[in-house]
Amino acid sequence: MNTLGSDRISNLLDTLHRDAEISDREHVADMMAALEAPGASIDQLVAGLLADERADYQAIYRARADNFLAVSPAYGRFLYAIARACKARRIVEFGTSMGISTLYLAAALRDNGGGQLIGSEMEPSKVARARANLAAAGLADLADIRAGDALETLQDVGGTVDLLLLDGAFSLYLPVLRLLEPRLGPGAVILGENAFEPGYQRYVGDPAHGYISLALPDEGRGNAFTVKLS
């Protein structure tokens, strides 16, 4: 049995996913209502979100301090599988939130024989909860969760990055990627959760930048799978 399948971690994840569903129910309903409004489209919704973030992304995410904004159980298992497949030893996560995705990734590190996960989360209360969840799972020794703006907290990640998860402010995906680019070795995997930002899409889609990238079949969520080639 792998670490992810242990009772200790699987039971914790079941609880956290239930809590996340309850916490985010109103937020999801608001998003769906916006999409169902007359003349609305996903492109218009994304454009509005990006405009708000560019004006003040810190305020946007402070207002979501009580929301998990978590990955689904299926995507969490995907994260675990990818981290195992690429034999990741150093993982960077932009947008840790309450630490649900972090648990999947840290479990993969444990089963890969060890390593380090460096997470960044702007909201201090979420950092505290993520650390507590990692401790409850027995995975705290594998994770360094840093509080603050990722453009500052991720300036030094200590070595070559095997896997990068982008799951924070959409407007920062490209700046965070560019910040960490010197640390991405050949074969490094970059996963963009809701990678709608056009500048990010163009950048990883341009072979001149040394990536190959494709959209995942995820019912319009905009998740992108990218590999650093050189």
C-alpha atoms as a PDB file:
ATOM      1  CA  MET A   1       0.000   0.000   0.000  1.00  0.00           C
ATOM      2  CA  ASN A   2       1.301   3.481  -0.805  1.00  0.00           C
ATOM      3  CA  THR A   3       1.304   6.436   1.586  1.00  0.00           C
ATOM      4  CA  LEU A   4      -1.707   8.031  -0.096  1.00  0.00           C
ATOM      5  CA  GLY A   5      -3.752   4.898   0.588  1.00  0.00           C
ATOM      6  CA  SER A   6      -2.985   4.741   4.296  1.00  0.00           C
ATOM      7  CA  ASP A   7      -5.981   5.144   6.616  1.00  0.00           C
ATOM      8  CA  ARG A   8      -4.353   8.117   8.322  1.00  0.00           C
ATOM      9  CA  ILE A   9      -4.034  10.168   5.126  1.00  0.00           C
ATOM     10  CA  SER A  10      -7.060   8.904   3.183  1.00  0.00           C
ATOM     11  CA  ASN A  11      -9.385   9.627   6.125  1.00  0.00           C
ATOM     12  CA  LEU A  12      -7.888  13.086   6.572  1.00  0.00           C
ATOM     13  CA  LEU A  13      -8.295  13.860   2.870  1.00  0.00           C
ATOM     14  CA  ASP A  14     -11.910  12.648   2.903  1.00  0.00           C
ATOM     15  CA  THR A  15     -12.632  15.040   5.767  1.00  0.00           C
ATOM     16  CA  LEU A  16     -10.833  17.952   4.142  1.00  0.00           C
ATOM     17  CA  HIS A  17     -12.583  17.459   0.804  1.00  0.00           C
ATOM     18  CA  ARG A  18     -15.949  17.468   2.592  1.00  0.00           C
ATOM     19  CA  ASP A  19     -14.990  20.633   4.472  1.00  0.00           C
ATOM     20  CA  ALA A  20     -13.834  22.241   1.228  1.00  0.00           C
ATOM     21  CA  GLU A  21     -17.126  21.453  -0.506  1.00  0.00           C
ATOM     22  CA  ILE A  22     -19.086  23.083   2.301  1.00  0.00           C
ATOM     23  CA  SER A  23     -16.752  26.074   2.557  1.00  0.00           C
ATOM     24  CA  ASP A  24     -16.732  26.802  -1.166  1.00  0.00           C
ATOM     25  CA  ARG A  25     -20.369  26.021  -1.958  1.00  0.00           C
ATOM     26  CA  GLU A  26     -21.467  29.662  -1.976  1.00  0.00           C
ATOM     27  CA  HIS A  27     -18.426  30.757  -3.990  1.00  0.00           C
ATOM     28  CA  VAL A  28     -19.056  28.058  -6.610  1.00  0.00           C
ATOM     29  CA  ALA A  29     -22.742  28.986  -6.773  1.00  0.00           C
ATOM     30  CA  ASP A  30     -21.833  32.634  -7.376  1.00  0.00           C
ATOM     31  CA  MET A  31     -19.472  31.630 -10.195  1.00  0.00           C
ATOM     32  CA  MET A  32     -22.119  29.431 -11.808  1.00  0.00           C
ATOM     33  CA  ALA A  33     -24.709  32.207 -11.538  1.00  0.00           C
ATOM     34  CA  ALA A  34     -22.303  34.604 -13.257  1.00  0.00           C
ATOM     35  CA  LEU A  35     -21.815  32.107 -16.082  1.00  0.00           C
ATOM     36  CA  GLU A  36     -25.553  31.584 -16.492  1.00  0.00           C
ATOM     37  CA  ALA A  37     -26.339  35.305 -16.721  1.00  0.00           C
ATOM     38  CA  PRO A  38     -27.663  36.468 -20.117  1.00  0.00           C
ATOM     39  CA  GLY A  39     -24.808  36.985 -22.573  1.00  0.00           C
ATOM     40  CA  ALA A  40     -22.179  35.658 -20.155  1.00  0.00           C
ATOM     41  CA  SER A  41     -19.310  33.402 -21.211  1.00  0.00           C
ATOM     42  CA  ILE A  42     -16.305  31.759 -19.605  1.00  0.00           C
ATOM     43  CA  ASP A  43     -14.043  34.161 -21.509  1.00  0.00           C
ATOM     44  CA  GLN A  44     -15.846  37.182 -20.091  1.00  0.00           C
ATOM     45  CA  LEU A  45     -15.753  35.750 -16.579  1.00  0.00           C
ATOM     46  CA  VAL A  46     -12.025  35.038 -16.813  1.00  0.00           C
ATOM     47  CA  ALA A  47     -11.334  38.494 -18.233  1.00  0.00           C
ATOM     48  CA  GLY A  48     -13.143  40.047 -15.290  1.00  0.00           C
ATOM     49  CA  LEU A  49     -11.262  37.931 -12.756  1.00  0.00           C
ATOM     50  CA  LEU A  50      -7.916  38.782 -14.335  1.00  0.00           C
ATOM     51  CA  ALA A  51      -8.743  42.494 -14.391  1.00  0.00           C
ATOM     52  CA  ASP A  52      -9.617  42.396 -10.687  1.00  0.00           C
ATOM     53  CA  GLU A  53      -6.419  40.495  -9.859  1.00  0.00           C
ATOM     54  CA  ARG A  54      -4.214  42.871 -11.789  1.00  0.00           C
ATOM     55  CA  ALA A  55      -5.741  45.763  -9.870  1.00  0.00           C
ATOM     56  CA  ASP A  56      -5.068  44.179  -6.453  1.00  0.00           C
ATOM     57  CA  TYR A  57      -4.496  40.405  -6.303  1.00  0.00           C
ATOM     58  CA  GLN A  58      -3.615  40.558  -2.620  1.00  0.00           C
ATOM     59  CA  ALA A  59      -7.008  42.025  -1.719  1.00  0.00           C
ATOM     60  CA  ILE A  60      -8.794  39.433  -3.873  1.00  0.00           C
ATOM     61  CA  TYR A  61      -7.229  36.516  -2.011  1.00  0.00           C
ATOM     62  CA  ARG A  62      -7.477  38.098   1.436  1.00  0.00           C
ATOM     63  CA  ALA A  63     -11.229  38.186   0.802  1.00  0.00           C
ATOM     64  CA  ARG A  64     -11.088  34.410   0.183  1.00  0.00           C
ATOM     65  CA  ALA A  65      -9.277  33.605   3.418  1.00  0.00           C
ATOM     66  CA  ASP A  66     -12.044  31.236   4.541  1.00  0.00           C
ATOM     67  CA  ASN A  67     -12.345  29.424   1.210  1.00  0.00           C
ATOM     68  CA  PHE A  68     -10.394  26.259   0.495  1.00  0.00           C
ATOM     69  CA  LEU A  69     -10.376  26.779  -3.303  1.00  0.00           C
ATOM     70  CA  ALA A  70      -9.109  23.218  -3.307  1.00  0.00           C
ATOM     71  CA  VAL A  71      -8.313  20.687  -6.010  1.00  0.00           C
ATOM     72  CA  SER A  72     -10.799  17.876  -6.545  1.00  0.00           C
ATOM     73  CA  PRO A  73     -10.043  14.342  -5.281  1.00  0.00           C
ATOM     74  CA  ALA A  74      -9.476  13.225  -8.892  1.00  0.00           C
ATOM     75  CA  TYR A  75      -7.014  16.040  -9.575  1.00  0.00           C
ATOM     76  CA  GLY A  76      -5.297  15.335  -6.272  1.00  0.00           C
ATOM     77  CA  ARG A  77      -4.694  11.737  -7.329  1.00  0.00           C
ATOM     78  CA  PHE A  78      -3.414  13.060 -10.649  1.00  0.00           C
ATOM     79  CA  LEU A  79      -0.923  15.260  -8.768  1.00  0.00           C
ATOM     80  CA  TYR A  80       0.263  12.261  -6.780  1.00  0.00           C
ATOM     81  CA  ALA A  81       0.633  10.152  -9.926  1.00  0.00           C
ATOM     82  CA  ILE A  82       2.586  12.817 -11.810  1.00  0.00           C
ATOM     83  CA  ALA A  83       4.933  13.392  -8.873  1.00  0.00           C
ATOM     84  CA  ARG A  84       5.570   9.652  -8.672  1.00  0.00           C
ATOM     85  CA  ALA A  85       6.034   9.323 -12.436  1.00  0.00           C
ATOM     86  CA  CYS A  86       8.647  12.073 -12.649  1.00  0.00           C
ATOM     87  CA  LYS A  87      10.330  10.795  -9.458  1.00  0.00           C
ATOM     88  CA  ALA A  88      10.103  14.276  -7.974  1.00  0.00           C
ATOM     89  CA  ARG A  89      12.425  15.151  -5.109  1.00  0.00           C
ATOM     90  CA  ARG A  90      11.868  18.925  -5.043  1.00  0.00           C
ATOM     91  CA  ILE A  91       8.359  20.287  -5.632  1.00  0.00           C
ATOM     92  CA  VAL A  92       7.251  23.920  -5.577  1.00  0.00           C
ATOM     93  CA  GLU A  93       3.608  24.815  -5.045  1.00  0.00           C
ATOM     94  CA  PHE A  94       2.287  28.319  -5.706  1.00  0.00           C
ATOM     95  CA  GLY A  95      -1.003  28.644  -3.838  1.00  0.00           C
ATOM     96  CA  THR A  96      -1.003  26.155  -0.963  1.00  0.00           C
ATOM     97  CA  SER A  97      -4.321  27.280   0.579  1.00  0.00           C
ATOM     98  CA  MET A  98      -5.356  24.829   3.339  1.00  0.00           C
ATOM     99  CA  GLY A  99      -2.908  22.208   2.076  1.00  0.00           C
ATOM    100  CA  ILE A 100      -5.110  19.630   0.348  1.00  0.00           C
ATOM    101  CA  SER A 101      -3.027  19.519  -2.831  1.00  0.00           C
ATOM    102  CA  THR A 102       0.068  19.686  -0.639  1.00  0.00           C
ATOM    103  CA  LEU A 103      -0.898  16.431   1.052  1.00  0.00           C
ATOM    104  CA  TYR A 104      -1.108  14.601  -2.275  1.00  0.00           C
ATOM    105  CA  LEU A 105       2.284  15.942  -3.339  1.00  0.00           C
ATOM    106  CA  ALA A 106       3.970  15.291   0.003  1.00  0.00           C
ATOM    107  CA  ALA A 107       2.646  11.721  -0.009  1.00  0.00           C
ATOM    108  CA  ALA A 108       4.302  11.264  -3.405  1.00  0.00           C
ATOM    109  CA  LEU A 109       7.585  12.589  -2.030  1.00  0.00           C
ATOM    110  CA  ARG A 110       7.381  10.107   0.837  1.00  0.00           C
ATOM    111  CA  ASP A 111       6.860   7.253  -1.613  1.00  0.00           C
ATOM    112  CA  ASN A 112       9.638   8.559  -3.860  1.00  0.00           C
ATOM    113  CA  GLY A 113      12.048   8.130  -0.965  1.00  0.00           C
ATOM    114  CA  GLY A 114      11.977  11.662   0.417  1.00  0.00           C
ATOM    115  CA  GLY A 115      12.539  15.212  -0.747  1.00  0.00           C
ATOM    116  CA  GLN A 116      11.186  18.691  -0.117  1.00  0.00           C
ATOM    117  CA  LEU A 117       8.004  20.510  -0.999  1.00  0.00           C
ATOM    118  CA  ILE A 118       8.195  24.301  -0.880  1.00  0.00           C
ATOM    119  CA  GLY A 119       4.797  25.935  -0.737  1.00  0.00           C
ATOM    120  CA  SER A 120       3.797  29.571  -0.829  1.00  0.00           C
ATOM    121  CA  GLU A 121       0.546  30.967   0.530  1.00  0.00           C
ATOM    122  CA  MET A 122      -0.340  34.624   0.967  1.00  0.00           C
ATOM    123  CA  GLU A 123      -2.895  34.217   3.746  1.00  0.00           C
ATOM    124  CA  PRO A 124      -1.304  33.492   7.171  1.00  0.00           C
ATOM    125  CA  SER A 125      -4.387  31.706   8.522  1.00  0.00           C
ATOM    126  CA  LYS A 126      -4.244  29.276   5.599  1.00  0.00           C
ATOM    127  CA  VAL A 127      -0.545  28.677   6.173  1.00  0.00           C
ATOM    128  CA  ALA A 128      -1.315  27.690   9.772  1.00  0.00           C
ATOM    129  CA  ARG A 129      -4.046  25.279   8.671  1.00  0.00           C
ATOM    130  CA  ALA A 130      -1.890  23.763   5.929  1.00  0.00           C
ATOM    131  CA  ARG A 131       0.928  23.132   8.403  1.00  0.00           C
ATOM    132  CA  ALA A 132      -1.521  21.569  10.855  1.00  0.00           C
ATOM    133  CA  ASN A 133      -2.909  19.281   8.156  1.00  0.00           C
ATOM    134  CA  LEU A 134       0.580  18.179   7.130  1.00  0.00           C
ATOM    135  CA  ALA A 135       1.392  17.436  10.767  1.00  0.00           C
ATOM    136  CA  ALA A 136      -1.826  15.447  11.151  1.00  0.00           C
ATOM    137  CA  ALA A 137      -0.843  13.402   8.098  1.00  0.00           C
ATOM    138  CA  GLY A 138       2.674  12.775   9.378  1.00  0.00           C
ATOM    139  CA  LEU A 139       4.161  14.610   6.379  1.00  0.00           C
ATOM    140  CA  ALA A 140       5.329  17.863   7.959  1.00  0.00           C
ATOM    141  CA  ASP A 141       8.994  16.900   7.668  1.00  0.00           C
ATOM    142  CA  LEU A 142       8.697  17.016   3.875  1.00  0.00           C
ATOM    143  CA  ALA A 143       7.150  20.485   3.532  1.00  0.00           C
ATOM    144  CA  ASP A 144       8.263  24.088   3.972  1.00  0.00           C
ATOM    145  CA  ILE A 145       5.171  26.299   3.736  1.00  0.00           C
ATOM    146  CA  ARG A 146       6.099  29.951   3.387  1.00  0.00           C
ATOM    147  CA  ALA A 147       3.757  32.821   4.206  1.00  0.00           C
ATOM    148  CA  GLY A 148       3.673  35.826   1.900  1.00  0.00           C
ATOM    149  CA  ASP A 149       3.736  36.904  -1.724  1.00  0.00           C
ATOM    150  CA  ALA A 150       5.168  34.132  -3.905  1.00  0.00           C
ATOM    151  CA  LEU A 151       7.250  36.626  -5.867  1.00  0.00           C
ATOM    152  CA  GLU A 152       9.202  37.072  -2.637  1.00  0.00           C
ATOM    153  CA  THR A 153       8.868  33.739  -0.843  1.00  0.00           C
ATOM    154  CA  LEU A 154       9.944  31.668  -3.853  1.00  0.00           C
ATOM    155  CA  GLN A 155      13.060  33.617  -4.753  1.00  0.00           C
ATOM    156  CA  ASP A 156      15.214  30.903  -3.169  1.00  0.00           C
ATOM    157  CA  VAL A 157      14.005  27.321  -3.474  1.00  0.00           C
ATOM    158  CA  GLY A 158      17.389  25.735  -2.880  1.00  0.00           C
ATOM    159  CA  GLY A 159      17.967  23.575  -5.938  1.00  0.00           C
ATOM    160  CA  THR A 160      16.595  21.993  -9.094  1.00  0.00           C
ATOM    161  CA  VAL A 161      12.789  21.835  -9.221  1.00  0.00           C
ATOM    162  CA  ASP A 162      11.246  18.644 -10.596  1.00  0.00           C
ATOM    163  CA  LEU A 163       7.588  19.652 -10.365  1.00  0.00           C
ATOM    164  CA  LEU A 164       5.914  23.063 -10.188  1.00  0.00           C
ATOM    165  CA  LEU A 165       2.224  23.444  -9.353  1.00  0.00           C
ATOM    166  CA  LEU A 166       0.685  26.821 -10.189  1.00  0.00           C
ATOM    167  CA  ASP A 167      -2.585  27.185  -8.293  1.00  0.00           C
ATOM    168  CA  GLY A 168      -2.700  30.724  -6.946  1.00  0.00           C
ATOM    169  CA  ALA A 169      -3.539  34.115  -8.440  1.00  0.00           C
ATOM    170  CA  PHE A 170      -4.010  33.501 -12.168  1.00  0.00           C
ATOM    171  CA  SER A 171      -2.304  36.767 -13.096  1.00  0.00           C
ATOM    172  CA  LEU A 172       0.918  35.620 -11.386  1.00  0.00           C
ATOM    173  CA  TYR A 173       1.359  32.315 -13.215  1.00  0.00           C
ATOM    174  CA  LEU A 174       3.796  33.726 -15.755  1.00  0.00           C
ATOM    175  CA  PRO A 175       5.772  35.878 -13.270  1.00  0.00           C
ATOM    176  CA  VAL A 176       6.134  32.896 -10.903  1.00  0.00           C
ATOM    177  CA  LEU A 177       7.159  30.610 -13.757  1.00  0.00           C
ATOM    178  CA  ARG A 178       9.749  33.133 -14.958  1.00  0.00           C
ATOM    179  CA  LEU A 179      11.049  33.510 -11.403  1.00  0.00           C
ATOM    180  CA  LEU A 180      11.579  29.752 -11.063  1.00  0.00           C
ATOM    181  CA  GLU A 181      12.628  29.068 -14.645  1.00  0.00           C
ATOM    182  CA  PRO A 182      16.369  28.979 -13.862  1.00  0.00           C
ATOM    183  CA  ARG A 183      15.651  26.161 -11.375  1.00  0.00           C
ATOM    184  CA  LEU A 184      13.647  23.988 -13.783  1.00  0.00           C
ATOM    185  CA  GLY A 185      15.724  21.128 -15.109  1.00  0.00           C
ATOM    186  CA  PRO A 186      15.058  19.277 -18.374  1.00  0.00           C
ATOM    187  CA  GLY A 187      11.977  17.126 -17.897  1.00  0.00           C
ATOM    188  CA  ALA A 188      10.536  19.289 -15.114  1.00  0.00           C
ATOM    189  CA  VAL A 189       6.727  19.227 -15.068  1.00  0.00           C
ATOM    190  CA  ILE A 190       4.685  22.416 -14.688  1.00  0.00           C
ATOM    191  CA  LEU A 191       0.994  22.021 -13.869  1.00  0.00           C
ATOM    192  CA  GLY A 192      -1.186  25.088 -14.276  1.00  0.00           C
ATOM    193  CA  GLU A 193      -4.518  24.780 -12.475  1.00  0.00           C
ATOM    194  CA  ASN A 194      -7.039  27.073 -14.232  1.00  0.00           C
ATOM    195  CA  ALA A 195      -4.254  28.426 -16.443  1.00  0.00           C
ATOM    196  CA  PHE A 196      -6.508  30.884 -18.273  1.00  0.00           C
ATOM    197  CA  GLU A 197      -4.161  33.876 -18.402  1.00  0.00           C
ATOM    198  CA  PRO A 198      -3.363  34.503 -22.104  1.00  0.00           C
ATOM    199  CA  GLY A 199       0.234  35.592 -21.495  1.00  0.00           C
ATOM    200  CA  TYR A 200       0.999  32.362 -19.663  1.00  0.00           C
ATOM    201  CA  GLN A 201      -0.670  30.279 -22.362  1.00  0.00           C
ATOM    202  CA  ARG A 202       1.320  32.003 -25.111  1.00  0.00           C
ATOM    203  CA  TYR A 203       4.590  31.676 -23.241  1.00  0.00           C
ATOM    204  CA  VAL A 204       4.467  27.938 -22.540  1.00  0.00           C
ATOM    205  CA  GLY A 205       2.939  27.320 -25.963  1.00  0.00           C
ATOM    206  CA  ASP A 206       5.882  28.915 -27.780  1.00  0.00           C
ATOM    207  CA  PRO A 207       8.540  26.258 -28.557  1.00  0.00           C
ATOM    208  CA  ALA A 208      11.194  28.981 -28.492  1.00  0.00           C
ATOM    209  CA  HIS A 209      10.901  29.037 -24.697  1.00  0.00           C
ATOM    210  CA  GLY A 210      11.792  25.359 -24.421  1.00  0.00           C
ATOM    211  CA  TYR A 211       8.452  23.890 -23.339  1.00  0.00           C
ATOM    212  CA  ILE A 212       5.848  21.538 -24.696  1.00  0.00           C
ATOM    213  CA  SER A 213       2.387  22.219 -23.329  1.00  0.00           C
ATOM    214  CA  LEU A 214      -1.115  20.842 -23.746  1.00  0.00           C
ATOM    215  CA  ALA A 215      -4.515  21.424 -22.237  1.00  0.00           C
ATOM    216  CA  LEU A 216      -5.874  18.635 -20.054  1.00  0.00           C
ATOM    217  CA  PRO A 217      -9.346  17.186 -20.757  1.00  0.00           C
ATOM    218  CA  ASP A 218     -10.945  18.781 -17.714  1.00  0.00           C
ATOM    219  CA  GLU A 219     -14.387  20.067 -18.739  1.00  0.00           C
ATOM    220  CA  GLY A 220     -13.264  23.636 -19.398  1.00  0.00           C
ATOM    221  CA  ARG A 221     -11.285  24.198 -16.206  1.00  0.00           C
ATOM    222  CA  GLY A 222      -8.283  25.335 -18.204  1.00  0.00           C
ATOM    223  CA  ASN A 223      -5.731  23.016 -16.596  1.00  0.00           C
ATOM    224  CA  ALA A 224      -2.458  22.838 -18.514  1.00  0.00           C
ATOM    225  CA  PHE A 225       0.281  20.201 -18.499  1.00  0.00           C
ATOM    226  CA  THR A 226       3.703  21.523 -19.470  1.00  0.00           C
ATOM    227  CA  VAL A 227       7.160  19.942 -19.629  1.00  0.00           C
ATOM    228  CA  LYS A 228      10.462  21.790 -19.707  1.00  0.00           C
ATOM    229  CA  LEU A 229      12.462  20.389 -22.614  1.00  0.00           C
ATOM    230  CA  SER A 230      15.649  22.427 -22.403  1.00  0.00           C
END
